[in-house]
Amino acid sequence: MSKTHKEIFNWNEFPETATILAIRNARHHNLANRIRGIYTYHLQQAHPEDFKEYLLVDYPESDDGGDTFDTPVSWYDLETLLSMPPTKTRLRPNVNSLISEYMMRDIFNKYPSKYSIEKQVIFFNIIPIVVNAAIKISPLIKSFVKARSLEAKTYLDLFSFMDSINTKKHIIDKIQISLPS
C-alpha cells in the first residue's frame, strides 16, 4: 500500500497500524527478541514442563459483543523495542510516542511493582491489536481488494463495520504455563 497508494494510507499515521507495523518489523529484522510469544519465551526461559506464572493483559469485548481468542506476546520485548534508538528501529519519535500511548506503556510499566512480578513475565493479547489495525485499514483498502474466497469477503466486510476494541482498559489475569517435553 505505501509504495503504490501512499496518498490513501500512511501506516504510521494511526496508532493501531503503526503498532502492528513496528511489531512486524521487529520480527522481520530480529529486533527485541522478535517480540516473542509466550510459548517461545517459556521454552527459552524455563524447562518446558515446569509451571511458570505469567501476567496476561487482555482487553474487554468490543461494544458490539465481539471477543477474540488469546495470543499472548511479550510486553518486555515490545518495551525493549520502544526503548531502542530510532536509528536501530527506524521508528520516528512521534511514531514511538503514538505506539507508547496507544499501548498504555506507562500503565504496563507499573504492573511489576503493582503485582510484585518481573517485567519479563508480562504478556498482552496481540489479537485485539491486530483486529483494531484491520478495522482501521479495511475501509480504506476495500475498493482495492478482490475477495476470492468466502473467508476473504467475510473478513473484509466484518472489519469494515466492526467496533474497535478498547485497548485503554486492561483485564488482568495471572496464568500458568507448562509445556510437554
Protein backbone atom coordinates (compact mmCIF):
# COMPACT_ATOMS: atom_id res chain seq x y z
CA MET A 1 0.00 0.00 0.00
CA SER A 2 2.63 2.53 0.94
CA LYS A 3 4.52 2.24 -2.35
CA THR A 4 1.59 2.20 -4.74
CA HIS A 5 -1.11 4.13 -2.88
CA LYS A 6 0.77 6.23 -0.34
CA GLU A 7 -1.79 9.03 -0.57
CA ILE A 8 -4.55 6.66 0.58
CA PHE A 9 -2.95 5.21 3.68
CA ASN A 10 0.03 6.00 5.89
CA TRP A 11 0.70 3.12 8.31
CA ASN A 12 2.41 5.43 10.80
CA GLU A 13 -0.47 7.91 10.95
CA PHE A 14 -2.64 5.69 13.13
CA PRO A 15 -1.52 4.01 16.38
CA GLU A 16 -3.36 0.79 15.53
CA THR A 17 -1.44 0.22 12.30
CA ALA A 18 1.84 1.77 13.48
CA THR A 19 1.92 -0.75 16.34
CA ILE A 20 1.39 -3.73 14.04
CA LEU A 21 3.98 -2.42 11.59
CA ALA A 22 6.54 -1.92 14.38
CA ILE A 23 5.96 -5.46 15.68
CA ARG A 24 6.15 -6.88 12.16
CA ASN A 25 9.42 -5.05 11.51
CA ALA A 26 10.89 -6.20 14.84
CA ARG A 27 10.12 -9.79 13.89
CA HIS A 28 11.45 -9.37 10.35
CA HIS A 29 14.68 -7.60 11.41
CA ASN A 30 15.30 -9.71 14.54
CA LEU A 31 14.94 -6.79 16.93
CA ALA A 32 13.86 -7.02 20.58
CA ASN A 33 13.83 -10.83 20.64
CA ARG A 34 11.49 -10.73 17.65
CA ILE A 35 8.64 -9.84 20.07
CA ARG A 36 8.26 -13.38 21.35
CA GLY A 37 5.05 -15.21 22.02
CA ILE A 38 4.51 -16.68 25.46
CA TYR A 39 5.34 -20.25 24.41
CA THR A 40 8.64 -19.27 22.81
CA TYR A 41 9.52 -17.22 25.87
CA HIS A 42 8.64 -20.14 28.17
CA LEU A 43 10.79 -22.54 26.14
CA GLN A 44 13.72 -20.11 26.29
CA GLN A 45 13.43 -19.21 29.97
CA ALA A 46 12.26 -22.37 31.76
CA HIS A 47 12.19 -26.12 31.42
CA PRO A 48 9.17 -26.73 29.21
CA GLU A 49 7.38 -28.97 31.71
CA ASP A 50 7.86 -26.56 34.63
CA PHE A 51 4.87 -24.46 35.60
CA LYS A 52 5.65 -20.77 35.43
CA GLU A 53 3.30 -17.90 36.23
CA TYR A 54 2.71 -15.07 33.78
CA LEU A 55 0.62 -11.93 33.84
CA LEU A 56 -1.72 -11.73 30.85
CA VAL A 57 -3.15 -8.38 29.83
CA ASP A 58 -6.28 -8.77 27.77
CA TYR A 59 -8.89 -6.30 26.60
CA PRO A 60 -12.68 -6.19 27.02
CA GLU A 61 -15.13 -7.31 24.40
CA SER A 62 -15.92 -4.70 21.78
CA ASP A 63 -19.10 -2.65 22.21
CA ASP A 64 -20.89 -4.99 19.80
CA GLY A 65 -20.05 -8.02 21.98
CA GLY A 66 -17.18 -9.35 19.89
CA ASP A 67 -14.29 -11.04 21.68
CA THR A 68 -11.10 -12.65 20.44
CA PHE A 69 -9.02 -15.68 21.26
CA ASP A 70 -5.76 -15.10 23.18
CA THR A 71 -2.33 -14.99 21.61
CA PRO A 72 -0.01 -13.56 24.28
CA VAL A 73 3.15 -11.73 23.21
CA SER A 74 5.88 -10.24 25.35
CA TRP A 75 5.38 -6.77 26.78
CA TYR A 76 9.06 -6.79 27.79
CA ASP A 77 10.09 -7.31 24.16
CA LEU A 78 7.82 -4.53 22.90
CA GLU A 79 9.08 -2.25 25.67
CA THR A 80 12.65 -3.12 24.62
CA LEU A 81 11.83 -2.20 21.03
CA LEU A 82 10.31 1.14 22.08
CA SER A 83 13.41 1.87 24.19
CA MET A 84 15.88 1.25 21.35
CA PRO A 85 17.41 4.17 19.44
CA PRO A 86 15.40 5.33 16.40
CA THR A 87 18.41 4.61 14.18
CA LYS A 88 18.01 0.93 15.02
CA THR A 89 14.21 0.64 14.98
CA ARG A 90 13.54 3.25 12.30
CA LEU A 91 10.63 4.45 14.43
CA ARG A 92 10.37 8.20 14.31
CA PRO A 93 9.97 9.71 17.80
CA ASN A 94 6.39 10.76 17.10
CA VAL A 95 5.51 7.20 15.99
CA ASN A 96 7.19 5.76 19.09
CA SER A 97 5.07 8.12 21.21
CA LEU A 98 1.93 7.19 19.28
CA ILE A 99 2.54 3.47 19.94
CA SER A 100 3.51 4.08 23.58
CA GLU A 101 0.31 5.99 24.24
CA TYR A 102 -1.88 3.52 22.34
CA MET A 103 -0.40 0.54 24.20
CA MET A 104 -0.62 2.36 27.57
CA ARG A 105 3.12 2.00 28.16
CA ASP A 106 3.01 3.94 31.43
CA ILE A 107 0.37 1.58 32.82
CA PHE A 108 2.22 -1.56 31.68
CA ASN A 109 5.37 -0.29 33.35
CA LYS A 110 3.55 -0.01 36.70
CA TYR A 111 2.49 -3.66 36.69
CA PRO A 112 5.77 -5.14 38.01
CA SER A 113 5.51 -3.23 41.29
CA LYS A 114 1.72 -3.44 41.47
CA TYR A 115 1.67 -7.23 41.08
CA SER A 116 5.13 -8.00 42.55
CA ILE A 117 6.38 -9.60 39.36
CA GLU A 118 9.25 -9.18 36.92
CA LYS A 119 8.59 -7.13 33.81
CA GLN A 120 9.68 -10.11 31.68
CA VAL A 121 6.60 -12.16 32.63
CA ILE A 122 4.04 -9.62 31.38
CA PHE A 123 2.31 -10.58 28.15
CA PHE A 124 -0.51 -8.95 26.23
CA ASN A 125 -3.06 -10.40 23.84
CA ILE A 126 -2.00 -9.30 20.37
CA ILE A 127 -5.22 -10.36 18.64
CA PRO A 128 -7.24 -7.26 19.68
CA ILE A 129 -4.31 -5.12 18.47
CA VAL A 130 -4.39 -6.90 15.09
CA VAL A 131 -8.19 -6.60 14.92
CA ASN A 132 -8.05 -2.85 15.60
CA ALA A 133 -5.47 -2.44 12.82
CA ALA A 134 -7.70 -4.40 10.44
CA ILE A 135 -10.68 -2.25 11.43
CA LYS A 136 -8.66 0.89 10.68
CA ILE A 137 -7.33 -0.20 7.30
CA SER A 138 -10.19 -2.30 5.85
CA PRO A 139 -12.49 0.57 4.80
CA LEU A 140 -9.54 2.30 3.14
CA ILE A 141 -8.41 -0.68 1.07
CA LYS A 142 -11.76 -2.34 0.42
CA SER A 143 -12.06 -0.97 -3.11
CA PHE A 144 -8.60 -2.34 -3.99
CA VAL A 145 -9.22 -5.88 -2.73
CA LYS A 146 -10.77 -8.54 -4.88
CA ALA A 147 -12.07 -11.13 -2.42
CA ARG A 148 -11.57 -14.57 -3.95
CA SER A 149 -12.95 -16.68 -1.14
CA LEU A 150 -15.84 -16.63 1.28
CA GLU A 151 -13.37 -16.06 4.13
CA ALA A 152 -11.79 -13.05 2.41
CA LYS A 153 -15.19 -11.49 1.71
CA THR A 154 -16.39 -12.20 5.26
CA TYR A 155 -13.37 -10.62 6.94
CA LEU A 156 -13.26 -7.65 4.59
CA ASP A 157 -16.92 -6.95 5.33
CA LEU A 158 -16.62 -7.68 9.06
CA PHE A 159 -13.66 -5.36 9.64
CA SER A 160 -15.36 -2.60 7.67
CA PHE A 161 -18.16 -2.15 10.21
CA MET A 162 -16.92 -3.80 13.42
CA ASP A 163 -16.43 -1.74 16.61
CA SER A 164 -12.85 -1.23 17.79
CA ILE A 165 -11.61 -2.98 20.92
CA ASN A 166 -10.81 -0.66 23.82
CA THR A 167 -7.07 -1.00 24.46
CA LYS A 168 -7.20 1.57 27.27
CA LYS A 169 -8.92 -0.88 29.62
CA HIS A 170 -6.89 -3.85 30.76
CA ILE A 171 -8.23 -7.13 32.02
CA ILE A 172 -5.51 -8.72 34.14
CA ASP A 173 -5.18 -12.43 34.68
CA LYS A 174 -2.38 -14.49 36.18
CA ILE A 175 -1.90 -17.67 34.19
CA GLN A 176 0.38 -20.66 34.49
CA ILE A 177 2.10 -22.28 31.55
CA SER A 178 3.61 -25.73 31.30
CA LEU A 179 4.51 -27.41 28.04
CA PRO A 180 5.02 -31.07 27.26
CA SER A 181 8.68 -32.01 26.99
